[in-house]
Amino acid sequence: QLLCGDTSARMSALNWEGSKLAFIQATVSSGRYGTAMPTWAQEYGGPLRTDEISDIVQFVLNWETEELCSQPLFEYPWPETIDELLVTFPTGDAVRGEELYTTYGCSGCHGNLDDSTSATVGPWQGNLAEEAGTRVEGMSGVQYVYESILHPNNYVVEQCPNGPCGDSSSMPTNFPARMGDSETKPQDLVDIMTYLGLLP
């Protein structure tokens, strides 16, 4: 997803309009906001010089091979309902879900669950288990969150931390690909929802 093609799947998902080299360089240099990946370039407070960043970028670009890129990307066939998903992944791990909440960048926009003032872009999630079931009439809270993660524009709440949320969601639309690039990866979604208090 990162390397294959002039415009890789990861670049498309993030609407990156520059080159692949520039994308990798920016990611390595400044890290990924809201995730566990730190900044590495000295200009962003990291430890590495510009030439060292360039060496890492070239090393990563060397991974792109015909053999690697000839393999089709796996796409998990997400079911329509959370109940169907839970048939395959019946148990969530809240401890792992807390780690994944940071890894996937959720905390960067929605804040920490124990601090209602920490959300910066999207609504705070600390009370999601209580609020989710009230968002869409006739829809359970777990189904609402399941659809909202996989299809962010299906439902957009009215208020965000900085005012009205707008007509379209600011949430990334690539979670189906990121959480579904292997047969077992959807466990990540179940673990995150368990951490959020939506699943037992």
N, C-alpha and C. Protein backbone atom coordinates (compact mmCIF):
# COMPACT_ATOMS: atom_id res chain seq x y z
N GLN A 1 0.81 -1.21 0.00
CA GLN A 1 0.00 0.00 0.00
C GLN A 1 0.85 1.27 0.00
N LEU A 2 2.03 1.18 0.56
CA LEU A 2 2.89 2.36 0.65
C LEU A 2 3.69 2.58 -0.62
N LEU A 3 4.18 1.49 -1.25
CA LEU A 3 5.20 1.63 -2.27
C LEU A 3 4.73 1.43 -3.70
N CYS A 4 3.81 0.54 -3.95
CA CYS A 4 3.54 0.09 -5.31
C CYS A 4 2.74 1.10 -6.12
N GLY A 5 3.23 1.37 -7.34
CA GLY A 5 2.58 2.31 -8.23
C GLY A 5 3.13 3.72 -8.10
N ASP A 6 2.99 4.51 -9.16
CA ASP A 6 3.45 5.90 -9.10
C ASP A 6 2.72 6.65 -7.98
N THR A 7 1.43 6.37 -7.87
CA THR A 7 0.65 6.88 -6.74
C THR A 7 0.17 5.66 -5.97
N SER A 8 0.79 5.40 -4.84
CA SER A 8 0.48 4.18 -4.09
C SER A 8 -0.89 4.27 -3.43
N ALA A 9 -1.38 3.13 -2.97
CA ALA A 9 -2.69 3.10 -2.31
C ALA A 9 -2.71 3.99 -1.08
N ARG A 10 -1.61 4.00 -0.32
CA ARG A 10 -1.55 4.84 0.88
C ARG A 10 -1.59 6.32 0.51
N MET A 11 -0.90 6.71 -0.56
CA MET A 11 -0.92 8.10 -0.99
C MET A 11 -2.31 8.52 -1.43
N SER A 12 -3.00 7.63 -2.15
CA SER A 12 -4.36 7.95 -2.60
C SER A 12 -5.30 8.11 -1.43
N ALA A 13 -5.16 7.22 -0.45
CA ALA A 13 -6.05 7.26 0.72
C ALA A 13 -5.90 8.56 1.49
N LEU A 14 -4.68 9.12 1.49
CA LEU A 14 -4.41 10.35 2.22
C LEU A 14 -4.47 11.59 1.32
N ASN A 15 -4.90 11.38 0.05
CA ASN A 15 -5.02 12.49 -0.91
C ASN A 15 -3.71 13.23 -1.10
N TRP A 16 -2.60 12.49 -1.09
CA TRP A 16 -1.28 13.09 -1.29
C TRP A 16 -1.08 13.39 -2.77
N GLU A 17 -0.74 14.61 -3.11
CA GLU A 17 -0.62 15.02 -4.50
C GLU A 17 0.83 15.13 -4.97
N GLY A 18 1.79 15.00 -4.05
CA GLY A 18 3.20 15.08 -4.42
C GLY A 18 3.76 13.74 -4.85
N SER A 19 5.07 13.65 -4.90
CA SER A 19 5.74 12.41 -5.32
C SER A 19 5.79 11.41 -4.18
N LYS A 20 6.07 10.16 -4.55
CA LYS A 20 6.20 9.12 -3.54
C LYS A 20 7.40 9.40 -2.64
N LEU A 21 8.49 9.85 -3.23
CA LEU A 21 9.68 10.19 -2.45
C LEU A 21 9.34 11.27 -1.41
N ALA A 22 8.62 12.29 -1.85
CA ALA A 22 8.27 13.38 -0.93
C ALA A 22 7.33 12.89 0.17
N PHE A 23 6.45 11.96 -0.17
CA PHE A 23 5.52 11.42 0.82
C PHE A 23 6.26 10.67 1.92
N ILE A 24 7.18 9.80 1.51
CA ILE A 24 7.94 9.02 2.49
C ILE A 24 8.85 9.94 3.30
N GLN A 25 9.46 10.92 2.63
CA GLN A 25 10.34 11.85 3.33
C GLN A 25 9.57 12.65 4.38
N ALA A 26 8.38 13.11 4.02
CA ALA A 26 7.57 13.88 4.96
C ALA A 26 7.14 13.02 6.14
N THR A 27 6.80 11.77 5.86
CA THR A 27 6.34 10.87 6.92
C THR A 27 7.47 10.56 7.90
N VAL A 28 8.65 10.25 7.36
CA VAL A 28 9.79 9.95 8.22
C VAL A 28 10.22 11.20 8.99
N SER A 29 10.23 12.33 8.32
CA SER A 29 10.72 13.56 8.95
C SER A 29 9.84 14.03 10.09
N SER A 30 8.55 14.12 9.84
CA SER A 30 7.65 14.74 10.81
C SER A 30 6.82 13.75 11.61
N GLY A 31 6.98 12.45 11.33
CA GLY A 31 6.22 11.45 12.06
C GLY A 31 4.77 11.44 11.63
N ARG A 32 3.95 10.75 12.39
CA ARG A 32 2.51 10.68 12.10
C ARG A 32 1.75 11.21 13.31
N TYR A 33 1.20 12.39 13.16
CA TYR A 33 0.48 13.03 14.27
C TYR A 33 -0.63 12.12 14.79
N GLY A 34 -0.71 12.00 16.10
CA GLY A 34 -1.75 11.21 16.71
C GLY A 34 -1.45 9.73 16.78
N THR A 35 -0.27 9.31 16.30
CA THR A 35 0.13 7.91 16.38
C THR A 35 1.38 7.81 17.23
N ALA A 36 1.88 6.57 17.35
CA ALA A 36 3.09 6.35 18.15
C ALA A 36 4.36 6.70 17.39
N MET A 37 4.24 7.02 16.09
CA MET A 37 5.44 7.33 15.30
C MET A 37 5.92 8.75 15.60
N PRO A 38 7.15 8.91 16.09
CA PRO A 38 7.66 10.24 16.45
C PRO A 38 8.26 10.96 15.26
N THR A 39 8.61 12.21 15.46
CA THR A 39 9.36 12.95 14.45
C THR A 39 10.81 12.47 14.48
N TRP A 40 11.45 12.43 13.29
CA TRP A 40 12.83 11.97 13.20
C TRP A 40 13.79 13.05 12.72
N ALA A 41 13.31 14.00 11.93
CA ALA A 41 14.21 15.02 11.39
C ALA A 41 14.53 16.08 12.44
N GLN A 42 15.75 16.57 12.40
CA GLN A 42 16.16 17.60 13.36
C GLN A 42 15.31 18.85 13.26
N GLU A 43 14.83 19.17 12.05
CA GLU A 43 14.03 20.38 11.87
C GLU A 43 12.68 20.29 12.60
N TYR A 44 12.28 19.07 12.96
CA TYR A 44 11.04 18.87 13.72
C TYR A 44 11.32 18.43 15.16
N GLY A 45 12.57 18.57 15.58
CA GLY A 45 12.92 18.19 16.93
C GLY A 45 13.42 16.77 17.09
N GLY A 46 13.61 16.07 15.97
CA GLY A 46 14.10 14.70 16.01
C GLY A 46 15.62 14.63 16.00
N PRO A 47 16.19 13.42 15.97
CA PRO A 47 17.64 13.26 16.09
C PRO A 47 18.41 13.18 14.77
N LEU A 48 17.72 13.07 13.62
CA LEU A 48 18.42 12.75 12.37
C LEU A 48 18.65 13.97 11.49
N ARG A 49 19.86 13.99 10.86
CA ARG A 49 20.20 15.04 9.90
C ARG A 49 19.44 14.81 8.59
N THR A 50 19.46 15.83 7.73
CA THR A 50 18.78 15.74 6.44
C THR A 50 19.32 14.60 5.60
N ASP A 51 20.65 14.42 5.58
CA ASP A 51 21.23 13.34 4.77
C ASP A 51 20.85 11.97 5.31
N GLU A 52 20.69 11.86 6.62
CA GLU A 52 20.28 10.58 7.20
C GLU A 52 18.83 10.25 6.86
N ILE A 53 17.99 11.28 6.85
CA ILE A 53 16.60 11.09 6.43
C ILE A 53 16.56 10.63 4.98
N SER A 54 17.36 11.26 4.13
CA SER A 54 17.40 10.89 2.71
C SER A 54 17.84 9.45 2.52
N ASP A 55 18.80 9.01 3.31
CA ASP A 55 19.27 7.62 3.22
C ASP A 55 18.14 6.65 3.58
N ILE A 56 17.38 6.98 4.61
CA ILE A 56 16.26 6.12 5.02
C ILE A 56 15.20 6.06 3.92
N VAL A 57 14.91 7.20 3.32
CA VAL A 57 13.91 7.26 2.26
C VAL A 57 14.33 6.38 1.08
N GLN A 58 15.59 6.47 0.67
CA GLN A 58 16.08 5.65 -0.44
C GLN A 58 16.05 4.17 -0.08
N PHE A 59 16.35 3.85 1.17
CA PHE A 59 16.30 2.46 1.62
C PHE A 59 14.88 1.92 1.52
N VAL A 60 13.90 2.72 1.95
CA VAL A 60 12.50 2.28 1.88
C VAL A 60 12.05 2.14 0.43
N LEU A 61 12.43 3.08 -0.43
CA LEU A 61 12.05 3.02 -1.84
C LEU A 61 12.60 1.78 -2.52
N ASN A 62 13.74 1.28 -2.05
CA ASN A 62 14.34 0.08 -2.63
C ASN A 62 13.50 -1.17 -2.41
N TRP A 63 12.56 -1.10 -1.46
CA TRP A 63 11.71 -2.27 -1.21
C TRP A 63 10.72 -2.51 -2.35
N GLU A 64 10.47 -1.49 -3.17
CA GLU A 64 9.51 -1.65 -4.27
C GLU A 64 10.13 -2.52 -5.36
N THR A 65 9.63 -3.71 -5.51
CA THR A 65 10.12 -4.65 -6.52
C THR A 65 8.95 -5.17 -7.33
N GLU A 66 9.26 -5.70 -8.51
CA GLU A 66 8.21 -6.28 -9.35
C GLU A 66 7.52 -7.44 -8.64
N GLU A 67 8.32 -8.23 -7.93
CA GLU A 67 7.75 -9.38 -7.21
C GLU A 67 6.77 -8.92 -6.13
N LEU A 68 7.17 -7.90 -5.37
CA LEU A 68 6.30 -7.39 -4.31
C LEU A 68 5.01 -6.81 -4.88
N CYS A 69 5.15 -6.01 -5.91
CA CYS A 69 4.01 -5.26 -6.42
C CYS A 69 3.12 -6.07 -7.36
N SER A 70 3.56 -7.26 -7.73
CA SER A 70 2.71 -8.12 -8.56
C SER A 70 1.69 -8.87 -7.72
N GLN A 71 1.87 -8.84 -6.40
CA GLN A 71 0.94 -9.52 -5.51
C GLN A 71 -0.28 -8.63 -5.28
N PRO A 72 -1.48 -9.16 -5.51
CA PRO A 72 -2.68 -8.33 -5.29
C PRO A 72 -2.85 -8.01 -3.81
N LEU A 73 -3.33 -6.80 -3.54
CA LEU A 73 -3.58 -6.41 -2.16
C LEU A 73 -4.79 -7.18 -1.62
N PHE A 74 -4.65 -7.67 -0.41
CA PHE A 74 -5.77 -8.36 0.21
C PHE A 74 -6.79 -7.33 0.69
N GLU A 75 -8.04 -7.57 0.41
CA GLU A 75 -9.11 -6.69 0.87
C GLU A 75 -10.15 -7.52 1.62
N TYR A 76 -10.26 -7.27 2.90
CA TYR A 76 -11.20 -8.04 3.71
C TYR A 76 -12.63 -7.70 3.30
N PRO A 77 -13.46 -8.72 3.11
CA PRO A 77 -14.87 -8.46 2.74
C PRO A 77 -15.70 -8.08 3.96
N TRP A 78 -15.66 -6.81 4.31
CA TRP A 78 -16.36 -6.36 5.52
C TRP A 78 -17.85 -6.64 5.43
N PRO A 79 -18.42 -7.30 6.44
CA PRO A 79 -19.87 -7.52 6.44
C PRO A 79 -20.63 -6.23 6.73
N GLU A 80 -21.92 -6.24 6.45
CA GLU A 80 -22.72 -5.04 6.65
C GLU A 80 -22.93 -4.72 8.12
N THR A 81 -22.94 -5.73 8.96
CA THR A 81 -23.26 -5.49 10.36
C THR A 81 -22.13 -5.95 11.28
N ILE A 82 -22.04 -5.31 12.43
CA ILE A 82 -21.06 -5.70 13.44
C ILE A 82 -21.36 -7.10 13.96
N ASP A 83 -22.64 -7.47 14.01
CA ASP A 83 -22.99 -8.81 14.50
C ASP A 83 -22.38 -9.89 13.61
N GLU A 84 -22.36 -9.66 12.30
CA GLU A 84 -21.76 -10.62 11.39
C GLU A 84 -20.25 -10.70 11.61
N LEU A 85 -19.61 -9.55 11.84
CA LEU A 85 -18.17 -9.54 12.09
C LEU A 85 -17.84 -10.30 13.37
N LEU A 86 -18.69 -10.16 14.37
CA LEU A 86 -18.42 -10.79 15.67
C LEU A 86 -18.56 -12.31 15.62
N VAL A 87 -19.16 -12.84 14.57
CA VAL A 87 -19.18 -14.29 14.40
C VAL A 87 -17.77 -14.80 14.18
N THR A 88 -16.98 -14.04 13.43
CA THR A 88 -15.59 -14.43 13.14
C THR A 88 -14.63 -13.95 14.21
N PHE A 89 -14.91 -12.77 14.78
CA PHE A 89 -14.04 -12.19 15.82
C PHE A 89 -14.88 -11.90 17.06
N PRO A 90 -15.20 -12.93 17.85
CA PRO A 90 -16.17 -12.77 18.93
C PRO A 90 -15.67 -12.05 20.18
N THR A 91 -14.36 -11.96 20.35
CA THR A 91 -13.82 -11.43 21.61
C THR A 91 -12.85 -10.29 21.36
N GLY A 92 -13.03 -9.19 22.09
CA GLY A 92 -12.12 -8.06 21.97
C GLY A 92 -11.18 -7.95 23.16
N ASP A 93 -10.07 -7.26 22.95
CA ASP A 93 -9.05 -7.06 23.98
C ASP A 93 -8.92 -5.56 24.22
N ALA A 94 -9.44 -5.07 25.34
CA ALA A 94 -9.45 -3.64 25.62
C ALA A 94 -8.05 -3.07 25.80
N VAL A 95 -7.13 -3.84 26.36
CA VAL A 95 -5.76 -3.37 26.56
C VAL A 95 -5.09 -3.15 25.21
N ARG A 96 -5.23 -4.12 24.34
CA ARG A 96 -4.68 -3.97 22.99
C ARG A 96 -5.41 -2.86 22.24
N GLY A 97 -6.71 -2.75 22.48
CA GLY A 97 -7.48 -1.70 21.83
C GLY A 97 -7.01 -0.30 22.20
N GLU A 98 -6.58 -0.13 23.45
CA GLU A 98 -6.04 1.17 23.87
C GLU A 98 -4.78 1.52 23.08
N GLU A 99 -3.92 0.54 22.86
CA GLU A 99 -2.71 0.77 22.07
C GLU A 99 -3.06 1.10 20.63
N LEU A 100 -4.03 0.37 20.08
CA LEU A 100 -4.43 0.58 18.69
C LEU A 100 -5.12 1.92 18.50
N TYR A 101 -5.79 2.41 19.53
CA TYR A 101 -6.46 3.71 19.48
C TYR A 101 -5.44 4.81 19.20
N THR A 102 -4.22 4.62 19.67
CA THR A 102 -3.13 5.54 19.38
C THR A 102 -2.48 5.21 18.05
N THR A 103 -2.23 3.94 17.79
CA THR A 103 -1.55 3.52 16.57
C THR A 103 -2.29 3.99 15.32
N TYR A 104 -3.59 3.88 15.34
CA TYR A 104 -4.39 4.28 14.18
C TYR A 104 -4.67 5.78 14.14
N GLY A 105 -4.20 6.51 15.13
CA GLY A 105 -4.35 7.95 15.12
C GLY A 105 -5.66 8.46 15.69
N CYS A 106 -6.46 7.58 16.29
CA CYS A 106 -7.76 8.00 16.84
C CYS A 106 -7.60 9.09 17.90
N SER A 107 -6.61 8.90 18.77
CA SER A 107 -6.42 9.85 19.87
C SER A 107 -5.99 11.22 19.39
N GLY A 108 -5.37 11.29 18.21
CA GLY A 108 -4.92 12.57 17.69
C GLY A 108 -6.06 13.53 17.41
N CYS A 109 -7.23 13.00 17.03
CA CYS A 109 -8.39 13.84 16.74
C CYS A 109 -9.43 13.79 17.84
N HIS A 110 -9.65 12.59 18.39
CA HIS A 110 -10.73 12.40 19.36
C HIS A 110 -10.28 12.51 20.81
N GLY A 111 -8.98 12.65 21.03
CA GLY A 111 -8.47 12.84 22.38
C GLY A 111 -8.38 11.58 23.20
N ASN A 112 -8.00 11.75 24.46
CA ASN A 112 -7.89 10.64 25.40
C ASN A 112 -9.22 10.43 26.11
N LEU A 113 -9.55 9.19 26.37
CA LEU A 113 -10.86 8.89 26.95
C LEU A 113 -11.04 9.47 28.34
N ASP A 114 -9.93 9.70 29.06
CA ASP A 114 -10.04 10.21 30.43
C ASP A 114 -9.95 11.73 30.52
N ASP A 115 -9.97 12.42 29.38
CA ASP A 115 -9.86 13.88 29.39
C ASP A 115 -10.81 14.46 28.35
N SER A 116 -11.93 14.99 28.79
CA SER A 116 -12.96 15.48 27.87
C SER A 116 -12.54 16.73 27.11
N THR A 117 -11.43 17.35 27.50
CA THR A 117 -10.96 18.56 26.80
C THR A 117 -9.87 18.24 25.79
N SER A 118 -9.54 16.97 25.61
CA SER A 118 -8.38 16.62 24.79
C SER A 118 -8.69 16.43 23.31
N ALA A 119 -9.96 16.37 22.93
CA ALA A 119 -10.31 16.22 21.52
C ALA A 119 -9.95 17.49 20.76
N THR A 120 -9.40 17.33 19.55
CA THR A 120 -8.96 18.48 18.78
C THR A 120 -9.72 18.68 17.47
N VAL A 121 -10.15 17.60 16.84
CA VAL A 121 -10.83 17.69 15.54
C VAL A 121 -12.22 17.06 15.60
N GLY A 122 -12.26 15.79 16.00
CA GLY A 122 -13.53 15.08 16.08
C GLY A 122 -14.06 15.05 17.51
N PRO A 123 -15.30 14.62 17.69
CA PRO A 123 -15.90 14.59 19.02
C PRO A 123 -15.12 13.70 19.99
N TRP A 124 -15.14 14.08 21.25
CA TRP A 124 -14.50 13.27 22.30
C TRP A 124 -15.21 11.93 22.41
N GLN A 125 -14.43 10.88 22.62
CA GLN A 125 -15.00 9.53 22.62
C GLN A 125 -15.18 8.92 24.01
N GLY A 126 -14.87 9.66 25.05
CA GLY A 126 -14.95 9.11 26.39
C GLY A 126 -16.35 8.70 26.81
N ASN A 127 -17.36 9.33 26.23
CA ASN A 127 -18.75 8.98 26.56
C ASN A 127 -19.45 8.31 25.38
N LEU A 128 -18.68 7.77 24.45
CA LEU A 128 -19.26 7.21 23.23
C LEU A 128 -20.18 6.03 23.52
N ALA A 129 -19.82 5.22 24.50
CA ALA A 129 -20.65 4.05 24.81
C ALA A 129 -22.07 4.47 25.20
N GLU A 130 -22.22 5.64 25.83
CA GLU A 130 -23.53 6.13 26.22
C GLU A 130 -24.20 6.91 25.09
N GLU A 131 -23.42 7.62 24.30
CA GLU A 131 -23.97 8.52 23.28
C GLU A 131 -24.30 7.83 21.96
N ALA A 132 -23.53 6.80 21.60
CA ALA A 132 -23.64 6.23 20.26
C ALA A 132 -25.04 5.74 19.93
N GLY A 133 -25.71 5.15 20.91
CA GLY A 133 -27.05 4.61 20.67
C GLY A 133 -28.11 5.66 20.44
N THR A 134 -27.79 6.94 20.66
CA THR A 134 -28.75 8.03 20.47
C THR A 134 -28.54 8.76 19.15
N ARG A 135 -27.51 8.40 18.42
CA ARG A 135 -27.13 9.17 17.22
C ARG A 135 -28.09 8.94 16.04
N VAL A 136 -28.44 7.68 15.78
CA VAL A 136 -29.31 7.36 14.64
C VAL A 136 -30.49 6.53 15.16
N GLU A 137 -31.68 7.05 14.96
CA GLU A 137 -32.88 6.37 15.48
C GLU A 137 -32.99 4.96 14.91
N GLY A 138 -33.22 4.01 15.79
CA GLY A 138 -33.40 2.63 15.37
C GLY A 138 -32.12 1.86 15.15
N MET A 139 -30.98 2.48 15.39
CA MET A 139 -29.69 1.82 15.18
C MET A 139 -28.97 1.69 16.51
N SER A 140 -28.41 0.52 16.78
CA SER A 140 -27.67 0.31 18.02
C SER A 140 -26.38 1.12 18.02
N GLY A 141 -25.87 1.39 19.21
CA GLY A 141 -24.63 2.14 19.31
C GLY A 141 -23.45 1.44 18.66
N VAL A 142 -23.36 0.13 18.82
CA VAL A 142 -22.23 -0.60 18.25
C VAL A 142 -22.29 -0.60 16.72
N GLN A 143 -23.48 -0.71 16.16
CA GLN A 143 -23.61 -0.68 14.70
C GLN A 143 -23.29 0.72 14.17
N TYR A 144 -23.72 1.74 14.89
CA TYR A 144 -23.43 3.12 14.49
C TYR A 144 -21.92 3.36 14.43
N VAL A 145 -21.20 2.94 15.46
CA VAL A 145 -19.75 3.16 15.49
C VAL A 145 -19.06 2.31 14.43
N TYR A 146 -19.49 1.08 14.26
CA TYR A 146 -18.94 0.20 13.23
C TYR A 146 -19.02 0.87 11.86
N GLU A 147 -20.19 1.37 11.51
CA GLU A 147 -20.36 2.02 10.21
C GLU A 147 -19.59 3.33 10.14
N SER A 148 -19.53 4.05 11.25
CA SER A 148 -18.85 5.35 11.25
C SER A 148 -17.35 5.21 11.04
N ILE A 149 -16.76 4.11 11.51
CA ILE A 149 -15.33 3.88 11.30
C ILE A 149 -15.06 3.45 9.87
N LEU A 150 -15.89 2.56 9.35
CA LEU A 150 -15.67 2.05 7.99
C LEU A 150 -16.15 3.03 6.92
N HIS A 151 -17.18 3.80 7.22
CA HIS A 151 -17.76 4.74 6.25
C HIS A 151 -18.04 6.07 6.95
N PRO A 152 -17.00 6.87 7.18
CA PRO A 152 -17.12 8.08 8.02
C PRO A 152 -18.18 9.08 7.56
N ASN A 153 -18.46 9.11 6.27
CA ASN A 153 -19.41 10.10 5.78
C ASN A 153 -20.87 9.64 5.85
N ASN A 154 -21.09 8.40 6.30
CA ASN A 154 -22.48 7.95 6.46
C ASN A 154 -23.22 8.79 7.49
N TYR A 155 -22.51 9.10 8.57
CA TYR A 155 -23.11 9.87 9.67
C TYR A 155 -22.08 10.89 10.17
N VAL A 156 -22.44 12.15 10.14
CA VAL A 156 -21.55 13.21 10.63
C VAL A 156 -22.28 13.95 11.74
N VAL A 157 -21.69 13.96 12.92
CA VAL A 157 -22.35 14.64 14.05
C VAL A 157 -22.35 16.15 13.81
N GLU A 158 -23.19 16.85 14.53
CA GLU A 158 -23.35 18.28 14.30
C GLU A 158 -22.20 19.10 14.87
N GLN A 159 -21.75 18.75 16.08
CA GLN A 159 -20.77 19.59 16.76
C GLN A 159 -19.43 18.89 16.95
N CYS A 160 -18.36 19.60 16.61
CA CYS A 160 -16.99 19.16 16.83
C CYS A 160 -16.34 20.11 17.85
N PRO A 161 -15.15 19.81 18.33
CA PRO A 161 -14.53 20.65 19.37
C PRO A 161 -14.41 22.12 19.00
N ASN A 162 -14.25 22.41 17.70
CA ASN A 162 -14.04 23.79 17.29
C ASN A 162 -15.26 24.42 16.64
N GLY A 163 -16.42 23.78 16.79
CA GLY A 163 -17.63 24.32 16.19
C GLY A 163 -18.35 23.28 15.37
N PRO A 164 -19.27 23.70 14.48
CA PRO A 164 -20.00 22.75 13.65
C PRO A 164 -19.05 21.87 12.84
N CYS A 165 -19.42 20.59 12.71
CA CYS A 165 -18.52 19.64 12.03
C CYS A 165 -18.51 19.80 10.51
N GLY A 166 -19.56 20.32 9.93
CA GLY A 166 -19.61 20.44 8.48
C GLY A 166 -20.35 19.28 7.85
N ASP A 167 -20.47 19.33 6.52
CA ASP A 167 -21.25 18.32 5.80
C ASP A 167 -20.52 17.01 5.61
N SER A 168 -19.20 17.06 5.52
CA SER A 168 -18.43 15.83 5.32
C SER A 168 -17.47 15.62 6.49
N SER A 169 -17.13 14.37 6.73
CA SER A 169 -16.28 14.02 7.87
C SER A 169 -14.82 14.32 7.58
N SER A 170 -14.10 14.73 8.61
CA SER A 170 -12.65 14.91 8.50
C SER A 170 -11.90 13.61 8.76
N MET A 171 -12.62 12.58 9.10
CA MET A 171 -12.02 11.30 9.46
C MET A 171 -11.49 10.61 8.21
N PRO A 172 -10.32 9.97 8.29
CA PRO A 172 -9.77 9.25 7.14
C PRO A 172 -10.74 8.18 6.65
N THR A 173 -10.72 7.94 5.34
CA THR A 173 -11.62 6.94 4.76
C THR A 173 -10.90 5.63 4.46
N ASN A 174 -9.66 5.50 4.94
CA ASN A 174 -8.88 4.31 4.59
C ASN A 174 -8.86 3.24 5.67
N PHE A 175 -9.72 3.36 6.68
CA PHE A 175 -9.71 2.34 7.73
C PHE A 175 -10.13 0.96 7.23
N PRO A 176 -11.07 0.83 6.27
CA PRO A 176 -11.37 -0.51 5.76
C PRO A 176 -10.14 -1.20 5.17
N ALA A 177 -9.29 -0.43 4.49
CA ALA A 177 -8.07 -1.01 3.92
C ALA A 177 -7.03 -1.28 4.99
N ARG A 178 -6.85 -0.33 5.90
CA ARG A 178 -5.82 -0.49 6.93
C ARG A 178 -6.16 -1.60 7.92
N MET A 179 -7.43 -1.73 8.24
CA MET A 179 -7.85 -2.76 9.19
C MET A 179 -8.26 -4.06 8.49
N GLY A 180 -8.15 -4.07 7.18
CA GLY A 180 -8.60 -5.25 6.44
C GLY A 180 -7.60 -5.76 5.43
N ASP A 181 -6.29 -5.55 5.70
CA ASP A 181 -5.29 -6.00 4.73
C ASP A 181 -4.80 -7.42 5.00
N SER A 182 -5.46 -8.14 5.90
CA SER A 182 -5.19 -9.56 6.11
C SER A 182 -6.43 -10.20 6.71
N GLU A 183 -6.46 -11.51 6.73
CA GLU A 183 -7.63 -12.24 7.24
C GLU A 183 -7.88 -11.97 8.72
N THR A 184 -6.81 -11.66 9.47
CA THR A 184 -6.94 -11.51 10.92
C THR A 184 -6.97 -10.05 11.38
N LYS A 185 -6.67 -9.11 10.48
CA LYS A 185 -6.53 -7.71 10.88
C LYS A 185 -7.82 -7.09 11.42
N PRO A 186 -9.02 -7.52 10.98
CA PRO A 186 -10.24 -6.92 11.53
C PRO A 186 -10.37 -7.05 13.05
N GLN A 187 -9.55 -7.91 13.65
CA GLN A 187 -9.53 -7.99 15.10
C GLN A 187 -9.20 -6.64 15.71
N ASP A 188 -8.42 -5.83 14.98
CA ASP A 188 -8.06 -4.49 15.47
C ASP A 188 -9.31 -3.65 15.74
N LEU A 189 -10.26 -3.71 14.82
CA LEU A 189 -11.49 -2.93 14.98
C LEU A 189 -12.28 -3.40 16.20
N VAL A 190 -12.37 -4.71 16.37
CA VAL A 190 -13.09 -5.26 17.52
C VAL A 190 -12.40 -4.85 18.83
N ASP A 191 -11.07 -4.86 18.83
CA ASP A 191 -10.34 -4.47 20.04
C ASP A 191 -10.55 -3.00 20.37
N ILE A 192 -10.54 -2.14 19.36
CA ILE A 192 -10.76 -0.71 19.59
C ILE A 192 -12.17 -0.46 20.13
N MET A 193 -13.15 -1.12 19.55
CA MET A 193 -14.52 -0.94 20.01
C MET A 193 -14.71 -1.47 21.43
N THR A 194 -13.95 -2.50 21.78
CA THR A 194 -13.99 -3.01 23.15
C THR A 194 -13.38 -1.99 24.10
N TYR A 195 -12.27 -1.38 23.70
CA TYR A 195 -11.65 -0.33 24.51
C TYR A 195 -12.59 0.85 24.72
N LEU A 196 -13.38 1.17 23.71
CA LEU A 196 -14.32 2.29 23.80
C LEU A 196 -15.55 1.95 24.64
N GLY A 197 -15.62 0.72 25.12
CA GLY A 197 -16.74 0.33 25.98
C GLY A 197 -17.98 -0.10 25.24
N LEU A 198 -17.84 -0.34 23.93
CA LEU A 198 -18.99 -0.70 23.11
C LEU A 198 -19.24 -2.20 23.06
N LEU A 199 -18.19 -2.97 23.33
CA LEU A 199 -18.29 -4.43 23.32
C LEU A 199 -17.77 -4.97 24.64
N PRO A 200 -18.30 -6.09 25.11
CA PRO A 200 -17.86 -6.64 26.40
C PRO A 200 -16.46 -7.23 26.32
